[in-house]
C-alpha atoms as a PDB file:
ATOM      1  CA  MET A   1    -105.018 166.028  47.233  1.00  0.00           C
ATOM      2  CA  THR A   2    -106.376 163.462  49.672  1.00  0.00           C
ATOM      3  CA  GLY A   3    -109.683 161.753  50.279  1.00  0.00           C
ATOM      4  CA  VAL A   4    -111.372 158.540  51.340  1.00  0.00           C
ATOM      5  CA  LEU A   5    -111.357 155.673  48.858  1.00  0.00           C
ATOM      6  CA  LEU A   6    -113.916 152.900  49.229  1.00  0.00           C
ATOM      7  CA  SER A   7    -112.530 149.899  47.371  1.00  0.00           C
ATOM      8  CA  PHE A   8    -115.096 147.228  46.519  1.00  0.00           C
ATOM      9  CA  GLY A   9    -113.470 143.843  45.938  1.00  0.00           C
ATOM     10  CA  HIS A  10    -110.121 145.005  47.291  1.00  0.00           C
ATOM     11  CA  GLY A  11    -107.685 142.814  45.371  1.00  0.00           C
ATOM     12  CA  TYR A  12    -104.380 142.874  43.539  1.00  0.00           C
ATOM     13  CA  SER A  13    -104.796 146.078  41.495  1.00  0.00           C
ATOM     14  CA  ALA A  14    -106.631 147.998  44.223  1.00  0.00           C
ATOM     15  CA  ALA A  15    -103.912 147.094  46.716  1.00  0.00           C
ATOM     16  CA  ALA A  16    -101.291 148.584  44.386  1.00  0.00           C
ATOM     17  CA  LEU A  17    -103.259 151.843  44.279  1.00  0.00           C
ATOM     18  CA  ALA A  18    -103.677 151.841  48.067  1.00  0.00           C
ATOM     19  CA  ARG A  19     -99.905 151.559  48.493  1.00  0.00           C
ATOM     20  CA  ARG A  20     -99.619 154.907  46.717  1.00  0.00           C
ATOM     21  CA  LEU A  21    -102.547 156.687  48.334  1.00  0.00           C
ATOM     22  CA  ILE A  22    -102.088 155.810  52.013  1.00  0.00           C
ATOM     23  CA  PRO A  23     -98.591 157.343  52.359  1.00  0.00           C
ATOM     24  CA  ALA A  24    -100.016 160.492  50.747  1.00  0.00           C
ATOM     25  CA  GLY A  25    -102.590 160.828  53.550  1.00  0.00           C
ATOM     26  CA  TRP A  26    -105.573 158.993  52.090  1.00  0.00           C
ATOM     27  CA  ARG A  27    -107.908 156.793  54.063  1.00  0.00           C
ATOM     28  CA  VAL A  28    -108.713 153.550  52.220  1.00  0.00           C
ATOM     29  CA  LEU A  29    -111.575 151.189  53.059  1.00  0.00           C
ATOM     30  CA  GLY A  30    -111.433 147.805  51.337  1.00  0.00           C
ATOM     31  CA  THR A  31    -114.041 145.068  51.143  1.00  0.00           C
ATOM     32  CA  THR A  32    -113.316 141.339  51.150  1.00  0.00           C
ATOM     33  CA  ARG A  33    -115.495 138.225  51.152  1.00  0.00           C
ATOM     34  CA  SER A  34    -112.947 136.398  53.322  1.00  0.00           C
ATOM     35  CA  ALA A  35    -112.839 136.933  57.087  1.00  0.00           C
ATOM     36  CA  GLU A  36    -109.411 135.268  57.008  1.00  0.00           C
ATOM     37  CA  LYS A  37    -108.020 138.088  54.841  1.00  0.00           C
ATOM     38  CA  MET A  38    -109.155 140.890  57.149  1.00  0.00           C
ATOM     39  CA  GLU A  39    -105.968 140.895  59.223  1.00  0.00           C
ATOM     40  CA  ALA A  40    -103.690 140.840  56.191  1.00  0.00           C
ATOM     41  CA  ILE A  41    -105.565 143.739  54.612  1.00  0.00           C
ATOM     42  CA  ALA A  42    -105.397 145.731  57.842  1.00  0.00           C
ATOM     43  CA  ALA A  43    -101.632 145.185  57.970  1.00  0.00           C
ATOM     44  CA  THR A  44    -101.310 147.199  54.744  1.00  0.00           C
ATOM     45  CA  GLY A  45    -103.015 150.225  56.294  1.00  0.00           C
ATOM     46  CA  VAL A  46    -106.352 149.570  54.579  1.00  0.00           C
ATOM     47  CA  GLU A  47    -109.442 149.429  56.795  1.00  0.00           C
ATOM     48  CA  PRO A  48    -111.010 146.027  56.001  1.00  0.00           C
ATOM     49  CA  LEU A  49    -114.756 145.616  55.592  1.00  0.00           C
ATOM     50  CA  LEU A  50    -116.380 142.193  55.352  1.00  0.00           C
ATOM     51  CA  TRP A  51    -118.668 141.705  52.353  1.00  0.00           C
ATOM     52  CA  PRO A  52    -121.622 142.159  52.354  1.00  0.00           C
ATOM     53  CA  LEU A  53    -121.254 145.308  54.406  1.00  0.00           C
ATOM     54  CA  GLN A  54    -122.986 145.552  57.761  1.00  0.00           C
ATOM     55  CA  ASN A  55    -123.302 149.321  57.414  1.00  0.00           C
ATOM     56  CA  ALA A  56    -122.937 150.205  53.757  1.00  0.00           C
ATOM     57  CA  ALA A  57    -124.534 153.622  54.177  1.00  0.00           C
ATOM     58  CA  SER A  58    -121.867 154.634  56.686  1.00  0.00           C
ATOM     59  CA  ALA A  59    -119.033 153.506  54.412  1.00  0.00           C
ATOM     60  CA  LEU A  60    -120.538 155.313  51.431  1.00  0.00           C
ATOM     61  CA  ASP A  61    -121.107 158.440  53.502  1.00  0.00           C
ATOM     62  CA  ALA A  62    -117.394 158.456  54.391  1.00  0.00           C
ATOM     63  CA  ALA A  63    -116.184 157.919  50.821  1.00  0.00           C
ATOM     64  CA  THR A  64    -115.118 160.677  48.476  1.00  0.00           C
ATOM     65  CA  HIS A  65    -113.936 158.181  45.851  1.00  0.00           C
ATOM     66  CA  ILE A  66    -115.028 154.663  44.875  1.00  0.00           C
ATOM     67  CA  LEU A  67    -113.063 151.953  43.104  1.00  0.00           C
ATOM     68  CA  THR A  68    -114.847 148.739  42.220  1.00  0.00           C
ATOM     69  CA  SER A  69    -112.894 145.677  41.166  1.00  0.00           C
ATOM     70  CA  ALA A  70    -115.596 143.126  41.953  1.00  0.00           C
ATOM     71  CA  ALA A  71    -116.180 140.791  39.025  1.00  0.00           C
ATOM     72  CA  PRO A  72    -119.735 140.248  37.795  1.00  0.00           C
ATOM     73  CA  ASP A  73    -121.363 136.839  37.906  1.00  0.00           C
ATOM     74  CA  ALA A  74    -124.525 135.318  36.495  1.00  0.00           C
ATOM     75  CA  ALA A  75    -126.552 137.562  38.804  1.00  0.00           C
ATOM     76  CA  GLY A  76    -124.835 140.692  37.484  1.00  0.00           C
ATOM     77  CA  ASP A  77    -122.539 143.227  39.111  1.00  0.00           C
ATOM     78  CA  PRO A  78    -122.459 142.479  42.863  1.00  0.00           C
ATOM     79  CA  VAL A  79    -121.905 146.079  43.966  1.00  0.00           C
ATOM     80  CA  LEU A  80    -124.874 147.349  41.997  1.00  0.00           C
ATOM     81  CA  ALA A  81    -126.982 144.376  43.061  1.00  0.00           C
ATOM     82  CA  HIS A  82    -126.476 145.291  46.717  1.00  0.00           C
ATOM     83  CA  TYR A  83    -125.943 149.040  46.762  1.00  0.00           C
ATOM     84  CA  ARG A  84    -127.222 150.666  43.565  1.00  0.00           C
ATOM     85  CA  ASP A  85    -129.780 152.833  45.346  1.00  0.00           C
ATOM     86  CA  LEU A  86    -127.381 153.847  48.123  1.00  0.00           C
ATOM     87  CA  ILE A  87    -124.748 154.848  45.576  1.00  0.00           C
ATOM     88  CA  ALA A  88    -127.265 156.700  43.396  1.00  0.00           C
ATOM     89  CA  ALA A  89    -128.521 158.689  46.369  1.00  0.00           C
ATOM     90  CA  ARG A  90    -124.983 159.904  47.077  1.00  0.00           C
ATOM     91  CA  ALA A  91    -123.765 160.308  43.498  1.00  0.00           C
ATOM     92  CA  GLY A  92    -123.264 164.037  43.838  1.00  0.00           C
ATOM     93  CA  ARG A  93    -120.952 163.587  46.806  1.00  0.00           C
ATOM     94  CA  PHE A  94    -118.385 161.450  45.032  1.00  0.00           C
ATOM     95  CA  GLU A  95    -115.472 163.114  43.295  1.00  0.00           C
ATOM     96  CA  TRP A  96    -114.482 160.045  41.284  1.00  0.00           C
ATOM     97  CA  VAL A  97    -115.757 156.523  40.674  1.00  0.00           C
ATOM     98  CA  GLY A  98    -113.627 153.932  38.896  1.00  0.00           C
ATOM     99  CA  TYR A  99    -114.804 150.607  37.488  1.00  0.00           C
ATOM    100  CA  LEU A 100    -112.158 148.018  36.577  1.00  0.00           C
ATOM    101  CA  SER A 101    -113.288 146.114  33.509  1.00  0.00           C
ATOM    102  CA  THR A 102    -111.322 144.042  30.995  1.00  0.00           C
ATOM    103  CA  THR A 103    -110.208 144.207  27.385  1.00  0.00           C
ATOM    104  CA  GLY A 104    -112.141 140.946  27.028  1.00  0.00           C
ATOM    105  CA  VAL A 105    -115.168 143.111  26.195  1.00  0.00           C
ATOM    106  CA  TYR A 106    -113.745 143.537  22.668  1.00  0.00           C
ATOM    107  CA  GLY A 107    -113.689 139.821  21.918  1.00  0.00           C
ATOM    108  CA  ASP A 108    -111.554 138.380  19.137  1.00  0.00           C
ATOM    109  CA  ARG A 109    -110.094 140.759  16.546  1.00  0.00           C
ATOM    110  CA  GLN A 110    -107.778 138.229  14.886  1.00  0.00           C
ATOM    111  CA  GLY A 111    -104.739 140.192  15.977  1.00  0.00           C
ATOM    112  CA  GLY A 112    -106.109 143.580  14.907  1.00  0.00           C
ATOM    113  CA  TRP A 113    -105.949 146.789  16.900  1.00  0.00           C
ATOM    114  CA  VAL A 114    -108.824 147.998  19.088  1.00  0.00           C
ATOM    115  CA  THR A 115    -109.544 151.380  20.646  1.00  0.00           C
ATOM    116  CA  GLU A 116    -112.130 152.469  23.194  1.00  0.00           C
ATOM    117  CA  ASP A 117    -114.433 153.502  20.347  1.00  0.00           C
ATOM    118  CA  ASP A 118    -114.643 150.039  18.813  1.00  0.00           C
ATOM    119  CA  PRO A 119    -117.829 147.977  19.255  1.00  0.00           C
ATOM    120  CA  LEU A 120    -117.981 145.465  22.087  1.00  0.00           C
ATOM    121  CA  THR A 121    -118.192 141.916  20.739  1.00  0.00           C
ATOM    122  CA  PRO A 122    -117.162 139.580  23.581  1.00  0.00           C
ATOM    123  CA  ALA A 123    -116.196 136.042  22.630  1.00  0.00           C
ATOM    124  CA  THR A 124    -116.583 134.520  26.097  1.00  0.00           C
ATOM    125  CA  ARG A 125    -119.268 134.407  28.767  1.00  0.00           C
ATOM    126  CA  ARG A 126    -116.965 136.315  31.118  1.00  0.00           C
ATOM    127  CA  GLY A 127    -116.569 139.044  28.530  1.00  0.00           C
ATOM    128  CA  ALA A 128    -120.325 139.241  27.984  1.00  0.00           C
ATOM    129  CA  MET A 129    -120.897 139.654  31.728  1.00  0.00           C
ATOM    130  CA  ARG A 130    -118.381 142.516  31.763  1.00  0.00           C
ATOM    131  CA  VAL A 131    -120.177 144.228  28.879  1.00  0.00           C
ATOM    132  CA  ALA A 132    -123.430 144.007  30.837  1.00  0.00           C
ATOM    133  CA  ALA A 133    -121.773 145.303  34.009  1.00  0.00           C
ATOM    134  CA  GLU A 134    -120.256 148.265  32.157  1.00  0.00           C
ATOM    135  CA  ALA A 135    -123.672 149.086  30.706  1.00  0.00           C
ATOM    136  CA  ASN A 136    -125.283 149.003  34.137  1.00  0.00           C
ATOM    137  CA  TRP A 137    -122.656 151.292  35.632  1.00  0.00           C
ATOM    138  CA  ARG A 138    -123.021 153.682  32.705  1.00  0.00           C
ATOM    139  CA  ALA A 139    -126.790 153.693  33.159  1.00  0.00           C
ATOM    140  CA  LEU A 140    -126.267 154.751  36.777  1.00  0.00           C
ATOM    141  CA  GLN A 141    -123.916 157.467  35.601  1.00  0.00           C
ATOM    142  CA  GLN A 142    -126.558 158.808  33.231  1.00  0.00           C
ATOM    143  CA  THR A 143    -129.497 158.656  35.639  1.00  0.00           C
ATOM    144  CA  ALA A 144    -127.742 159.739  38.848  1.00  0.00           C
ATOM    145  CA  GLY A 145    -124.823 161.810  37.602  1.00  0.00           C
ATOM    146  CA  LEU A 146    -122.202 159.393  38.930  1.00  0.00           C
ATOM    147  CA  PRO A 147    -118.644 160.559  38.037  1.00  0.00           C
ATOM    148  CA  LEU A 148    -117.824 157.202  36.443  1.00  0.00           C
ATOM    149  CA  HIS A 149    -114.547 156.188  34.780  1.00  0.00           C
ATOM    150  CA  ILE A 150    -114.163 152.764  33.151  1.00  0.00           C
ATOM    151  CA  PHE A 151    -110.768 151.100  32.883  1.00  0.00           C
ATOM    152  CA  ARG A 152    -110.442 148.130  30.528  1.00  0.00           C
ATOM    153  CA  LEU A 153    -107.447 146.220  31.824  1.00  0.00           C
ATOM    154  CA  ALA A 154    -105.282 143.931  29.729  1.00  0.00           C
ATOM    155  CA  GLY A 155    -103.629 140.813  31.209  1.00  0.00           C
ATOM    156  CA  ILE A 156    -102.260 141.778  34.615  1.00  0.00           C
ATOM    157  CA  TYR A 157     -98.857 140.715  35.891  1.00  0.00           C
ATOM    158  CA  GLY A 158     -96.553 141.874  38.666  1.00  0.00           C
ATOM    159  CA  PRO A 159     -95.012 140.665  41.943  1.00  0.00           C
ATOM    160  CA  GLY A 160     -96.345 137.199  42.704  1.00  0.00           C
ATOM    161  CA  ARG A 161     -97.947 137.004  39.253  1.00  0.00           C
ATOM    162  CA  GLY A 162     -94.989 136.502  36.974  1.00  0.00           C
ATOM    163  CA  PRO A 163     -93.883 133.439  34.998  1.00  0.00           C
ATOM    164  CA  PHE A 164     -90.637 132.773  36.852  1.00  0.00           C
ATOM    165  CA  ALA A 165     -91.929 130.261  39.403  1.00  0.00           C
ATOM    166  CA  LYS A 166     -93.333 127.990  36.697  1.00  0.00           C
ATOM    167  CA  VAL A 167     -90.220 128.346  34.554  1.00  0.00           C
ATOM    168  CA  ARG A 168     -88.000 127.415  37.505  1.00  0.00           C
ATOM    169  CA  ALA A 169     -90.249 124.470  38.358  1.00  0.00           C
ATOM    170  CA  GLY A 170     -90.216 123.237  34.784  1.00  0.00           C
ATOM    171  CA  THR A 171     -94.002 123.503  34.503  1.00  0.00           C
ATOM    172  CA  ALA A 172     -94.175 126.538  32.192  1.00  0.00           C
ATOM    173  CA  ARG A 173     -95.587 125.769  28.740  1.00  0.00           C
ATOM    174  CA  ARG A 174     -95.109 127.641  25.490  1.00  0.00           C
ATOM    175  CA  ILE A 175     -98.462 127.050  23.855  1.00  0.00           C
ATOM    176  CA  VAL A 176     -98.409 128.325  20.295  1.00  0.00           C
ATOM    177  CA  LYS A 177    -101.387 129.434  18.245  1.00  0.00           C
ATOM    178  CA  GLU A 178    -100.477 131.071  14.961  1.00  0.00           C
ATOM    179  CA  GLY A 179    -101.148 134.814  14.981  1.00  0.00           C
ATOM    180  CA  GLN A 180    -102.031 134.877  18.708  1.00  0.00           C
ATOM    181  CA  VAL A 181    -101.157 138.079  20.568  1.00  0.00           C
ATOM    182  CA  PHE A 182    -102.163 139.429  23.972  1.00  0.00           C
ATOM    183  CA  SER A 183    -101.812 142.837  25.549  1.00  0.00           C
ATOM    184  CA  ARG A 184    -100.501 143.085  29.113  1.00  0.00           C
ATOM    185  CA  ILE A 185    -100.049 145.598  31.915  1.00  0.00           C
ATOM    186  CA  HIS A 186     -97.866 145.658  35.010  1.00  0.00           C
ATOM    187  CA  VAL A 187     -99.871 146.204  38.193  1.00  0.00           C
ATOM    188  CA  GLU A 188     -97.811 149.264  39.137  1.00  0.00           C
ATOM    189  CA  ASP A 189     -98.720 150.892  35.831  1.00  0.00           C
ATOM    190  CA  ILE A 190    -102.391 150.189  36.567  1.00  0.00           C
ATOM    191  CA  ALA A 191    -101.951 152.026  39.860  1.00  0.00           C
ATOM    192  CA  SER A 192    -100.304 154.988  38.120  1.00  0.00           C
ATOM    193  CA  VAL A 193    -103.168 155.219  35.618  1.00  0.00           C
ATOM    194  CA  LEU A 194    -105.783 155.179  38.384  1.00  0.00           C
ATOM    195  CA  GLU A 195    -103.836 157.758  40.387  1.00  0.00           C
ATOM    196  CA  ALA A 196    -103.589 160.013  37.333  1.00  0.00           C
ATOM    197  CA  SER A 197    -107.320 159.697  36.670  1.00  0.00           C
ATOM    198  CA  ILE A 198    -108.162 160.556  40.263  1.00  0.00           C
ATOM    199  CA  ALA A 199    -106.025 163.683  39.932  1.00  0.00           C
ATOM    200  CA  ARG A 200    -107.655 164.584  36.580  1.00  0.00           C
ATOM    201  CA  PRO A 201    -111.261 163.349  36.657  1.00  0.00           C
ATOM    202  CA  HIS A 202    -113.115 163.114  33.360  1.00  0.00           C
ATOM    203  CA  PRO A 203    -116.529 161.585  34.139  1.00  0.00           C
ATOM    204  CA  GLY A 204    -117.721 159.308  31.383  1.00  0.00           C
ATOM    205  CA  ALA A 205    -114.203 158.462  30.231  1.00  0.00           C
ATOM    206  CA  ILE A 206    -113.238 154.952  29.174  1.00  0.00           C
ATOM    207  CA  TYR A 207    -109.576 153.954  29.073  1.00  0.00           C
ATOM    208  CA  ASN A 208    -107.759 150.917  27.763  1.00  0.00           C
ATOM    209  CA  VAL A 209    -105.001 150.121  30.254  1.00  0.00           C
ATOM    210  CA  CYS A 210    -102.186 148.164  28.629  1.00  0.00           C
ATOM    211  CA  ASP A 211     -98.531 148.470  27.705  1.00  0.00           C
ATOM    212  CA  ASP A 212     -97.045 149.356  24.321  1.00  0.00           C
ATOM    213  CA  ASP A 213     -96.189 145.875  23.107  1.00  0.00           C
ATOM    214  CA  PRO A 214     -98.860 143.245  22.435  1.00  0.00           C
ATOM    215  CA  ALA A 215     -96.964 139.982  22.075  1.00  0.00           C
ATOM    216  CA  PRO A 216     -97.420 136.235  21.639  1.00  0.00           C
ATOM    217  CA  PRO A 217     -97.623 134.473  25.011  1.00  0.00           C
ATOM    218  CA  GLU A 218     -94.896 132.007  24.066  1.00  0.00           C
ATOM    219  CA  ASP A 219     -92.458 134.895  23.624  1.00  0.00           C
ATOM    220  CA  VAL A 220     -92.997 135.967  27.232  1.00  0.00           C
ATOM    221  CA  ILE A 221     -92.238 132.485  28.571  1.00  0.00           C
ATOM    222  CA  ALA A 222     -89.154 132.224  26.363  1.00  0.00           C
ATOM    223  CA  HIS A 223     -87.847 135.573  27.587  1.00  0.00           C
ATOM    224  CA  ALA A 224     -88.441 134.617  31.229  1.00  0.00           C
ATOM    225  CA  ALA A 225     -86.416 131.430  30.703  1.00  0.00           C
ATOM    226  CA  GLU A 226     -83.620 133.380  29.047  1.00  0.00           C
ATOM    227  CA  LEU A 227     -83.496 135.846  31.941  1.00  0.00           C
ATOM    228  CA  LEU A 228     -83.178 132.922  34.348  1.00  0.00           C
ATOM    229  CA  GLY A 229     -80.526 131.234  32.229  1.00  0.00           C
ATOM    230  CA  LEU A 230     -82.732 128.153  31.884  1.00  0.00           C
ATOM    231  CA  PRO A 231     -83.728 126.174  28.783  1.00  0.00           C
ATOM    232  CA  VAL A 232     -86.590 127.645  26.816  1.00  0.00           C
ATOM    233  CA  PRO A 233     -89.583 125.300  27.177  1.00  0.00           C
ATOM    234  CA  PRO A 234     -90.469 123.552  23.922  1.00  0.00           C
ATOM    235  CA  ALA A 235     -93.289 124.937  21.819  1.00  0.00           C
ATOM    236  CA  ILE A 236     -96.590 123.046  22.007  1.00  0.00           C
ATOM    237  CA  PRO A 237     -99.132 123.591  19.220  1.00  0.00           C
ATOM    238  CA  ILE A 238    -102.445 124.564  20.752  1.00  0.00           C
ATOM    239  CA  GLU A 239    -104.115 121.613  19.029  1.00  0.00           C
ATOM    240  CA  GLU A 240    -101.932 119.264  21.114  1.00  0.00           C
ATOM    241  CA  ALA A 241    -102.070 121.140  24.409  1.00  0.00           C
ATOM    242  CA  GLU A 242    -104.057 119.844  27.366  1.00  0.00           C
ATOM    243  CA  MET A 243    -105.808 122.888  28.792  1.00  0.00           C
ATOM    244  CA  SER A 244    -108.676 123.662  31.103  1.00  0.00           C
ATOM    245  CA  PRO A 245    -111.737 125.284  29.526  1.00  0.00           C
ATOM    246  CA  MET A 246    -110.796 128.518  31.338  1.00  0.00           C
ATOM    247  CA  ALA A 247    -107.243 128.488  29.974  1.00  0.00           C
ATOM    248  CA  ARG A 248    -108.416 127.605  26.471  1.00  0.00           C
ATOM    249  CA  SER A 249    -110.895 130.481  26.507  1.00  0.00           C
ATOM    250  CA  PHE A 250    -108.024 132.971  26.677  1.00  0.00           C
ATOM    251  CA  TYR A 251    -106.785 131.683  23.336  1.00  0.00           C
ATOM    252  CA  ALA A 252    -110.194 132.329  21.778  1.00  0.00           C
ATOM    253  CA  GLU A 253    -109.280 136.018  21.535  1.00  0.00           C
ATOM    254  CA  SER A 254    -106.372 137.696  19.769  1.00  0.00           C
ATOM    255  CA  LYS A 255    -106.042 141.462  19.614  1.00  0.00           C
ATOM    256  CA  ARG A 256    -103.720 144.410  19.973  1.00  0.00           C
ATOM    257  CA  VAL A 257    -105.091 147.012  22.368  1.00  0.00           C
ATOM    258  CA  SER A 258    -104.320 150.702  21.885  1.00  0.00           C
ATOM    259  CA  ASN A 259    -103.354 152.760  24.943  1.00  0.00           C
ATOM    260  CA  ALA A 260    -103.187 156.076  23.057  1.00  0.00           C
ATOM    261  CA  ARG A 261    -106.139 157.674  24.876  1.00  0.00           C
ATOM    262  CA  MET A 262    -104.759 156.723  28.297  1.00  0.00           C
ATOM    263  CA  LYS A 263    -101.458 158.399  27.500  1.00  0.00           C
ATOM    264  CA  ARG A 264    -102.976 161.422  25.805  1.00  0.00           C
ATOM    265  CA  GLU A 265    -105.658 162.316  28.348  1.00  0.00           C
ATOM    266  CA  LEU A 266    -103.930 161.249  31.563  1.00  0.00           C
ATOM    267  CA  GLY A 267    -100.340 162.050  30.677  1.00  0.00           C
ATOM    268  CA  VAL A 268     -99.227 158.633  31.894  1.00  0.00           C
ATOM    269  CA  VAL A 269     -95.681 157.500  31.159  1.00  0.00           C
ATOM    270  CA  LEU A 270     -95.512 153.743  31.594  1.00  0.00           C
ATOM    271  CA  ARG A 271     -92.822 152.485  33.937  1.00  0.00           C
ATOM    272  CA  TYR A 272     -92.924 149.119  32.173  1.00  0.00           C
ATOM    273  CA  PRO A 273     -93.763 149.789  28.506  1.00  0.00           C
ATOM    274  CA  ASP A 274     -93.276 146.150  27.499  1.00  0.00           C
ATOM    275  CA  TYR A 275     -92.993 142.705  29.050  1.00  0.00           C
ATOM    276  CA  ARG A 276     -89.193 142.744  28.786  1.00  0.00           C
ATOM    277  CA  ALA A 277     -88.921 145.750  31.084  1.00  0.00           C
ATOM    278  CA  GLY A 278     -91.551 144.327  33.415  1.00  0.00           C
ATOM    279  CA  LEU A 279     -89.968 140.886  33.693  1.00  0.00           C
ATOM    280  CA  ALA A 280     -86.502 142.328  34.274  1.00  0.00           C
ATOM    281  CA  ALA A 281     -87.856 144.403  37.156  1.00  0.00           C
ATOM    282  CA  LEU A 282     -89.748 141.431  38.639  1.00  0.00           C
ATOM    283  CA  LEU A 283     -86.643 139.259  38.558  1.00  0.00           C
ATOM    284  CA  ALA A 284     -84.513 141.987  40.138  1.00  0.00           C
ATOM    285  CA  GLU A 285     -87.093 142.327  42.903  1.00  0.00           C
ATOM    286  CA  GLU A 286     -87.295 138.569  43.466  1.00  0.00           C
ATOM    287  CA  GLU A 287     -83.524 138.260  43.706  1.00  0.00           C
ATOM    288  CA  GLY A 288     -83.324 141.215  46.079  1.00  0.00           C
END
């Protein structure tokens, strides 16, 4: 199976998917707001498009599949703000549309489990904007018949986004908040989930995308230090930690996210089912 993927907001997760699709014969078009990134994107085999698109109709006419990773802002979802009507007019042509959301839409569950059927109660402004964006994409699905799939991603890590650099530099911090747990997902497992969904479309589906082991953030830092053979950074109670408002907002939510539907409906077997497997692989890759 091959096609043409139009990737809006072509970033870290979309690039991981493109690395799988292009060798299989796919054509991938990726948008970026940065003219400086065009050359680097082209070097990966993706055809770069500068946002906003000069000829959006042409790009949408070429696409058989759409992936949108663009984050909403105060004005709403940028893709819908610019191209809602163009997408709606072509909804019947697309075989698959994927929207990358976040598990932040669930808000704080005080460490409890959440599934895709739980109510959305975001605890942050970013989470509230994602809830609104999801609703707008689902409205387009209902009115235009868009083959929409929503993926709620947990905390993303992978090459270039691991804790080792900070641990080596001595700047990693083990900030401790009692009962705090996060769910995570390796970027390559995100790509495998998206690839599986493309192969088995189920319009209207919503999937949590996370690994099997929600864990306290301080445990991840400690394990990274142990893998490097370096001292484990001391624990800092969150009440004593100096943090930016953005960083502190992540600690406003604690939950365990279920990936049962993702596994059941898509048949995905995670390559990195927990942070220990993921960090070991990252370190092996870094050390060559």
